[in-house]
Protein backbone atom coordinates (compact mmCIF):
# COMPACT_ATOMS: atom_id res chain seq x y z
CA MET A 1 0.00 0.00 0.00
CA SER A 2 1.41 3.41 -0.98
CA LYS A 3 2.25 6.03 1.59
CA LYS A 4 -0.44 8.29 0.15
CA ARG A 5 -3.06 5.53 0.48
CA LYS A 6 -2.05 4.91 4.08
CA LEU A 7 -2.47 8.56 4.94
CA GLY A 8 -5.89 8.58 3.35
CA HIS A 9 -6.89 5.51 5.37
CA ALA A 10 -5.69 7.17 8.58
CA ALA A 11 -7.63 10.30 7.73
CA GLY A 12 -10.70 8.16 7.20
CA LYS A 13 -10.37 6.82 10.69
CA LYS A 14 -10.20 10.30 12.14
CA GLN A 15 -13.31 11.37 10.26
CA ARG A 16 -15.68 8.93 12.01
CA PRO A 17 -18.94 10.62 13.06
CA MET A 18 -18.76 12.30 16.47
CA PRO A 19 -21.10 11.22 19.21
CA HIS A 20 -24.32 13.19 19.30
CA GLY A 21 -23.85 16.42 21.20
CA SER A 22 -20.09 16.60 20.71
CA LYS A 23 -18.45 19.92 19.86
CA GLY A 24 -15.72 18.28 17.71
CA THR A 25 -15.32 19.61 14.12
CA GLY A 26 -13.54 16.75 12.38
CA PRO A 27 -9.89 15.75 12.26
CA GLY A 28 -8.82 19.17 13.43
CA GLY A 29 -11.32 19.20 16.31
CA ASN A 30 -10.32 19.66 19.94
CA HIS A 31 -9.80 16.19 21.37
CA ASN A 32 -10.00 17.47 24.94
CA ALA A 33 -13.26 19.18 24.12
CA HIS A 34 -14.58 15.88 22.78
CA ASN A 35 -13.65 14.03 25.95
CA HIS A 36 -15.09 16.83 28.06
CA ASP A 37 -18.34 16.69 26.16
CA ARG A 38 -18.49 12.92 26.39
CA SER A 39 -17.98 13.26 30.11
CA ASN A 40 -20.64 15.94 30.24
CA ASN A 41 -22.98 13.77 28.27
CA LYS A 42 -22.48 10.96 30.75
CA ASN A 43 -22.86 13.29 33.69
CA GLY A 44 -25.81 14.90 31.99
CA HIS A 45 -27.55 11.55 31.83
CA SER A 46 -26.90 11.06 35.55
CA SER A 47 -27.95 14.63 36.27
CA ASN A 48 -31.14 14.17 34.29
CA HIS A 49 -31.84 11.02 36.23
CA ARG A 50 -31.26 12.82 39.52
CA ASP A 51 -33.40 15.75 38.38
CA ALA A 52 -36.21 13.39 37.46
CA SER A 53 -35.94 11.62 40.81
CA GLN A 54 -35.85 14.93 42.66
CA LYS A 55 -38.82 16.19 40.67
CA GLN A 56 -40.76 13.05 41.51
CA LYS A 57 -39.75 13.40 45.17
CA ASN A 58 -40.76 17.06 45.21
CA THR A 59 -44.05 16.21 43.53
CA THR A 60 -44.72 13.51 46.09
CA SER A 61 -43.75 15.82 48.93
CA THR A 62 -45.92 18.63 47.58
CA SER A 63 -48.79 16.25 47.03
CA SER A 64 -48.41 14.92 50.56
CA SER A 65 -48.12 18.34 52.18
CA SER A 66 -50.98 19.77 50.14
CA SER A 67 -53.26 16.79 50.68
CA PRO A 68 -56.31 17.78 52.71
CA LEU A 69 -56.36 17.02 56.40
CA PRO A 70 -58.89 14.46 57.61
CA PRO A 71 -62.16 15.90 58.93
CA PRO A 72 -61.51 17.52 62.32
CA THR A 73 -62.66 15.75 65.44
CA ILE A 74 -65.19 17.83 67.37
CA PRO A 75 -65.31 16.46 70.95
CA PHE A 76 -68.74 17.79 71.88
CA HIS A 77 -72.39 17.86 70.79
CA PRO A 78 -73.20 21.53 70.08
CA GLU A 79 -76.93 21.21 70.58
CA ASP A 80 -77.03 18.86 73.55
CA ASP A 81 -73.90 19.24 75.66
CA ALA A 82 -73.48 21.63 78.54
CA ILE A 83 -69.94 22.87 77.88
CA LEU A 84 -67.55 24.50 80.34
CA LEU A 85 -64.46 26.25 78.95
CA VAL A 86 -61.65 26.85 81.43
CA GLY A 87 -58.83 29.39 81.18
CA GLU A 88 -60.36 31.01 78.11
CA GLY A 89 -57.89 33.83 77.65
CA ASP A 90 -59.27 36.26 75.06
CA LEU A 91 -62.55 34.31 74.68
CA SER A 92 -61.97 33.73 70.96
CA PHE A 93 -62.45 29.96 71.28
CA ALA A 94 -65.73 30.44 73.14
CA ALA A 95 -66.88 32.97 70.54
CA SER A 96 -66.14 30.45 67.78
CA LEU A 97 -68.15 27.76 69.55
CA ALA A 98 -71.03 30.18 70.00
CA GLU A 99 -71.08 31.59 66.47
CA HIS A 100 -69.78 28.84 64.21
CA HIS A 101 -70.68 25.67 66.11
CA ASN A 102 -73.95 27.00 67.51
CA CYS A 103 -73.31 25.63 70.99
CA LEU A 104 -76.48 26.25 72.97
CA ARG A 105 -75.27 25.60 76.53
CA LEU A 106 -71.92 27.32 76.75
CA THR A 107 -70.12 28.72 79.79
CA ALA A 108 -66.67 30.28 79.44
CA THR A 109 -64.45 31.11 82.41
CA VAL A 110 -61.44 33.39 82.71
CA LEU A 111 -58.93 33.99 85.49
CA GLU A 112 -59.17 37.79 85.31
CA GLU A 113 -61.40 39.31 87.98
CA SER A 114 -63.47 41.54 85.70
CA ALA A 115 -64.33 42.34 82.09
CA GLU A 116 -62.20 45.48 82.35
CA ALA A 117 -59.17 43.56 83.57
CA LEU A 118 -59.62 41.04 80.77
CA ALA A 119 -59.90 43.76 78.11
CA ALA A 120 -56.73 45.41 79.42
CA LYS A 121 -54.88 42.13 78.89
CA TYR A 122 -56.61 41.11 75.66
CA PRO A 123 -58.12 44.08 73.75
CA GLN A 124 -60.16 41.74 71.56
CA ALA A 125 -61.88 40.05 74.52
CA ALA A 126 -64.70 42.60 74.84
CA ALA A 127 -65.93 41.95 71.30
CA ASN A 128 -65.69 38.19 71.83
CA ALA A 129 -67.70 38.45 75.06
CA GLU A 130 -70.44 40.25 73.13
CA ARG A 131 -70.57 37.45 70.58
CA ILE A 132 -70.91 34.87 73.34
CA ALA A 133 -73.69 36.83 75.02
CA ALA A 134 -75.52 37.22 71.70
CA ALA A 135 -75.66 33.42 71.48
CA ASP A 136 -76.99 33.18 75.08
CA GLY A 137 -73.65 31.94 76.39
CA LYS A 138 -72.15 32.96 79.72
CA VAL A 139 -68.79 34.38 80.76
CA LEU A 140 -67.65 33.90 84.36
CA TYR A 141 -64.78 36.00 85.71
CA ASN A 142 -62.29 35.36 88.51
CA VAL A 143 -62.36 31.58 88.02
CA ASP A 144 -59.13 29.75 88.90
CA ALA A 145 -58.75 26.33 87.26
CA LYS A 146 -57.15 25.01 90.47
CA THR A 147 -60.03 26.00 92.76
CA MET A 148 -63.07 26.38 90.49
CA GLY A 149 -66.57 25.19 91.28
CA PRO A 150 -67.93 22.78 91.92
CA TYR A 151 -70.78 23.37 89.50
CA THR A 152 -73.34 20.80 90.58
CA SER A 153 -77.02 20.08 91.02
CA ARG A 154 -78.87 17.66 93.26
CA SER A 155 -80.31 15.72 90.38
CA LYS A 156 -80.26 15.73 86.64
CA LYS A 157 -83.24 14.82 84.53
CA ASP A 158 -82.87 12.90 81.34
CA LYS A 159 -84.78 13.65 78.17
CA ASP A 160 -87.74 11.55 79.36
CA GLY A 161 -88.09 13.69 82.46
CA LYS A 162 -86.87 10.99 84.82
CA ASP A 163 -84.31 11.66 87.49
CA GLY A 164 -80.90 10.36 86.60
CA LYS A 165 -78.79 8.40 89.04
CA ASP A 166 -76.19 10.25 91.02
CA SER A 167 -72.59 9.27 90.39
CA LYS A 168 -70.28 9.46 93.39
CA ASP A 169 -67.06 9.21 91.41
CA GLY A 170 -64.87 12.22 91.92
CA ARG A 171 -67.01 13.73 94.68
CA ASP A 172 -66.05 14.63 98.20
CA ALA A 173 -68.27 13.98 101.23
CA LYS A 174 -69.79 17.46 101.08
CA ASN A 175 -70.97 16.96 97.50
CA LYS A 176 -71.70 13.23 97.50
CA ASP A 177 -75.43 13.83 96.95
CA LYS A 178 -74.80 16.10 93.97
CA GLU A 179 -73.66 15.58 90.42
CA GLY A 180 -71.79 17.76 87.98
CA ILE A 181 -73.76 19.71 85.43
CA PHE A 182 -71.28 19.87 82.55
CA ASP A 183 -71.05 17.18 79.88
CA ARG A 184 -67.79 18.51 78.42
CA ILE A 185 -65.09 20.47 80.22
CA LEU A 186 -62.39 21.87 77.92
CA PHE A 187 -59.06 23.42 78.87
CA ASN A 188 -57.03 24.62 75.87
CA PHE A 189 -53.28 25.09 76.24
CA PRO A 190 -53.02 25.33 80.03
CA HIS A 191 -49.89 27.08 81.24
CA ILE A 192 -48.90 28.86 84.42
CA GLY A 193 -47.22 31.66 82.47
CA GLY A 194 -44.10 33.46 83.56
CA LYS A 195 -40.73 33.77 81.89
CA SER A 196 -38.72 31.31 83.94
CA THR A 197 -36.00 29.52 82.00
CA ASP A 198 -35.85 26.71 84.56
CA VAL A 199 -37.46 23.87 82.61
CA ASN A 200 -37.80 21.56 85.62
CA ARG A 201 -39.59 24.24 87.61
CA GLN A 202 -41.90 25.04 84.72
CA VAL A 203 -42.73 21.36 84.25
CA ARG A 204 -43.43 20.83 87.94
CA HIS A 205 -45.66 23.90 88.26
CA ASN A 206 -47.66 23.02 85.16
CA GLN A 207 -48.11 19.47 86.41
CA GLU A 208 -49.46 20.85 89.68
CA LEU A 209 -51.85 23.04 87.71
CA LEU A 210 -53.19 20.09 85.73
CA VAL A 211 -53.61 17.80 88.74
CA ALA A 212 -55.54 20.48 90.63
CA PHE A 213 -57.66 21.18 87.55
CA PHE A 214 -58.52 17.50 87.05
CA ARG A 215 -59.65 17.14 90.66
CA ARG A 216 -61.87 20.22 90.51
CA ALA A 217 -63.21 19.40 87.07
CA LEU A 218 -64.32 15.96 88.24
CA LEU A 219 -66.67 17.61 90.75
CA SER A 220 -68.42 19.50 87.95
CA LEU A 221 -68.44 16.69 85.38
CA ALA A 222 -71.78 15.07 84.63
CA PRO A 223 -72.05 11.26 84.56
CA GLY A 224 -70.80 10.00 81.20
CA GLY A 225 -69.06 13.29 80.51
CA SER A 226 -65.50 13.95 79.42
CA ILE A 227 -62.65 16.36 80.09
CA VAL A 228 -60.66 17.55 77.08
CA VAL A 229 -57.20 19.10 77.45
CA THR A 230 -55.27 20.40 74.44
CA LEU A 231 -51.49 20.83 74.48
CA PHE A 232 -48.85 21.69 71.93
CA GLU A 233 -46.85 18.69 70.77
CA GLY A 234 -43.18 18.25 71.59
CA GLU A 235 -41.14 19.43 74.55
CA PRO A 236 -41.60 20.77 77.13
CA TYR A 237 -45.26 19.68 76.95
CA THR A 238 -44.48 15.98 76.58
CA LEU A 239 -42.48 16.25 79.82
CA TRP A 240 -45.69 17.04 81.69
CA ASN A 241 -46.79 13.42 81.19
CA ILE A 242 -50.44 14.37 81.15
CA ARG A 243 -51.70 10.79 80.89
CA ASN A 244 -50.19 9.77 84.22
CA LEU A 245 -51.35 12.97 85.89
CA ALA A 246 -54.90 12.18 84.86
CA ARG A 247 -54.67 8.60 86.11
CA HIS A 248 -53.61 9.79 89.55
CA ALA A 249 -56.66 12.06 89.60
CA GLY A 250 -59.09 9.21 88.87
CA LEU A 251 -59.32 9.60 85.10
CA GLN A 252 -58.40 7.48 82.13
CA VAL A 253 -57.49 8.42 78.57
CA GLU A 254 -60.29 7.58 76.21
CA ARG A 255 -58.50 8.80 73.08
CA SER A 256 -56.45 11.64 71.65
CA PHE A 257 -56.57 13.39 68.31
CA ARG A 258 -54.92 16.14 66.30
CA PHE A 259 -56.26 19.57 67.20
CA GLN A 260 -57.06 21.60 64.10
CA PHE A 261 -57.24 25.35 64.60
CA GLY A 262 -59.09 25.66 61.29
CA ALA A 263 -62.09 23.85 62.78
CA TYR A 264 -62.73 26.90 64.95
CA PRO A 265 -62.95 30.03 62.75
CA GLY A 266 -61.83 33.16 64.56
CA TYR A 267 -59.96 31.29 67.28
CA HIS A 268 -56.44 32.49 68.03
CA HIS A 269 -54.12 31.10 70.64
CA ALA A 270 -53.70 33.75 73.35
CA ARG A 271 -50.53 33.80 75.44
CA THR A 272 -50.97 33.59 79.21
CA LEU A 273 -49.36 36.98 79.85
CA GLY A 274 -51.52 38.80 77.31
CA VAL A 275 -50.87 40.15 73.84
CA VAL A 276 -47.30 40.91 72.82
CA ARG A 277 -46.63 44.61 72.38
CA MET A 278 -44.12 46.00 69.93
CA GLY A 279 -40.61 45.06 70.98
CA GLY A 280 -41.84 42.14 73.08
CA SER A 281 -41.31 38.42 72.58
CA GLY A 282 -43.43 35.32 72.59
CA ASP A 283 -46.60 34.39 70.74
CA ALA A 284 -49.23 36.88 69.68
CA ASP A 285 -52.33 37.40 67.61
CA ASP A 286 -52.61 39.60 64.55
CA SER A 287 -53.22 43.28 65.02
CA ILE A 288 -56.37 43.52 67.08
CA GLY A 289 -57.31 47.13 67.36
CA SER A 290 -54.25 48.42 69.18
CA ASN A 291 -51.46 50.13 67.26
CA ASP A 292 -48.68 48.75 69.42
CA VAL A 293 -49.66 45.08 69.17
CA SER A 294 -46.90 43.02 67.59
CA THR A 295 -47.66 41.05 64.44
CA THR A 296 -44.23 39.44 64.08
CA ALA A 297 -44.09 37.14 67.13
CA TRP A 298 -44.72 33.42 66.61
CA LYS A 299 -48.30 32.21 66.69
CA GLY A 300 -49.67 29.15 68.43
CA GLU A 301 -51.76 28.41 65.35
CA ASP A 302 -48.55 27.53 63.51
CA ARG A 303 -47.67 24.72 65.93
CA ALA A 304 -48.92 21.15 66.00
CA ALA A 305 -51.27 20.42 68.88
CA ARG A 306 -53.09 17.40 70.30
CA SER A 307 -56.27 17.04 72.33
CA TYR A 308 -56.62 14.39 75.05
CA VAL A 309 -60.05 13.14 76.06
CA PHE A 310 -60.36 11.88 79.64
CA VAL A 311 -63.24 10.08 81.32
CA ARG A 312 -63.74 8.70 84.81
CA LYS A 313 -62.08 5.36 85.33
CA ASP A 314 -64.28 2.49 84.20
CA GLU A 315 -66.77 4.92 82.69
CA ILE A 316 -67.52 5.28 79.02
CA ALA A 317 -68.06 8.80 77.72
CA GLN A 318 -71.03 9.67 75.53
CA PRO A 319 -70.08 9.17 71.87
CA PRO A 320 -68.79 12.26 70.05
CA ARG A 321 -70.25 13.43 66.77
CA PRO A 322 -70.26 12.31 64.05
CA LYS A 323 -70.40 8.57 64.61
CA VAL A 324 -67.41 6.74 63.18
CA PRO A 325 -68.10 4.07 60.49
CA SER A 326 -68.24 0.52 61.82
CA SER A 327 -65.11 -0.50 59.90
CA HIS A 328 -63.16 2.23 61.66
CA ASN A 329 -64.63 1.13 64.98
CA SER A 330 -63.33 -2.38 64.45
CA ARG A 331 -59.84 -1.05 63.79
CA ALA A 332 -60.05 1.14 66.87
CA ALA A 333 -61.10 -1.88 68.93
CA LYS A 334 -58.04 -3.80 67.74
CA ARG A 335 -55.79 -0.90 68.72
CA LYS A 336 -57.46 -0.73 72.12
CA ARG A 337 -56.64 -4.34 72.85
CA GLY A 338 -53.01 -3.48 72.20
CA GLY A 339 -52.70 -1.18 75.21
CA ASP A 340 -54.10 2.01 76.66
CA ASP A 341 -51.58 4.55 75.44
CA ALA A 342 -51.49 3.31 71.86
CA SER A 343 -55.24 2.74 71.63
CA SER A 344 -56.19 6.24 72.67
CA ASP A 345 -54.19 7.92 69.94
CA SER A 346 -55.67 8.89 66.62
CA ASP A 347 -54.49 11.04 63.75
CA ALA A 348 -57.97 12.34 63.11
């Protein structure tokens, strides 16, 4: 083979088609550029794969986060239950029950000694009190959760007009011939307040508050009734060990469920010390008619919360509304056989 023919053959080898996407321009092309592009093409394939996976993950995450919450659990019968709300703060929860849930037998209590003192602490409280009154609800002032009541009557008539039987559970000798008048007693986000940074002290004082509340609430609880306490999830609230506190007071956990702020239009978590003014710290509501009210502090509505339903030991509470489908009941029964703590939890 001639030298000229050999050179032509070699040139033919160099002129093989470049891989798709290469920036080479033939025999005189940049070999390093070709290798770089081949590497990029390989990495591009991997990158595309990762991008697709990430996109799928993001789509799944978005779908999961945007998926609607299950229907909220409402732990009372608006038309039938006599409801006592303890430690109501700015009365926004009570106003929501009165206006949006049409609760007909509603009594809200606050620690402040007067309407004026309450309005000084929570400027929005006066308007909420008016809404409650418009729905024939009551607001009681100067009521301490640790010493309240008892709210009792000598007998309670059922719907047929017959006298109901007195229950002696949770009653002292002085009130043994009386029974509580409230079917549901609710205490949302109990807290002693204060700015102490001593976690152990805060935990102990809040435990004492809950134990005292449980004992007093039992005196005012009607037979078959329930006590509902709602707490934020996570520490330090889990350190309170509310289940054991209730057991020592003569109660048992019937169930727990996710508390959904959206189920109560107009309700805002109110901090124990009152609204946060400009330059303050802690949780606060939106601007509520006072120019110096902070709108930047964290809000309780942004935090996950759980409600715990307690009944007297060995007593079954009246069923909440709406009734759960039988298939769900069977699953709940299986969970219940597994143990008290696990059975009482629900993600509803």
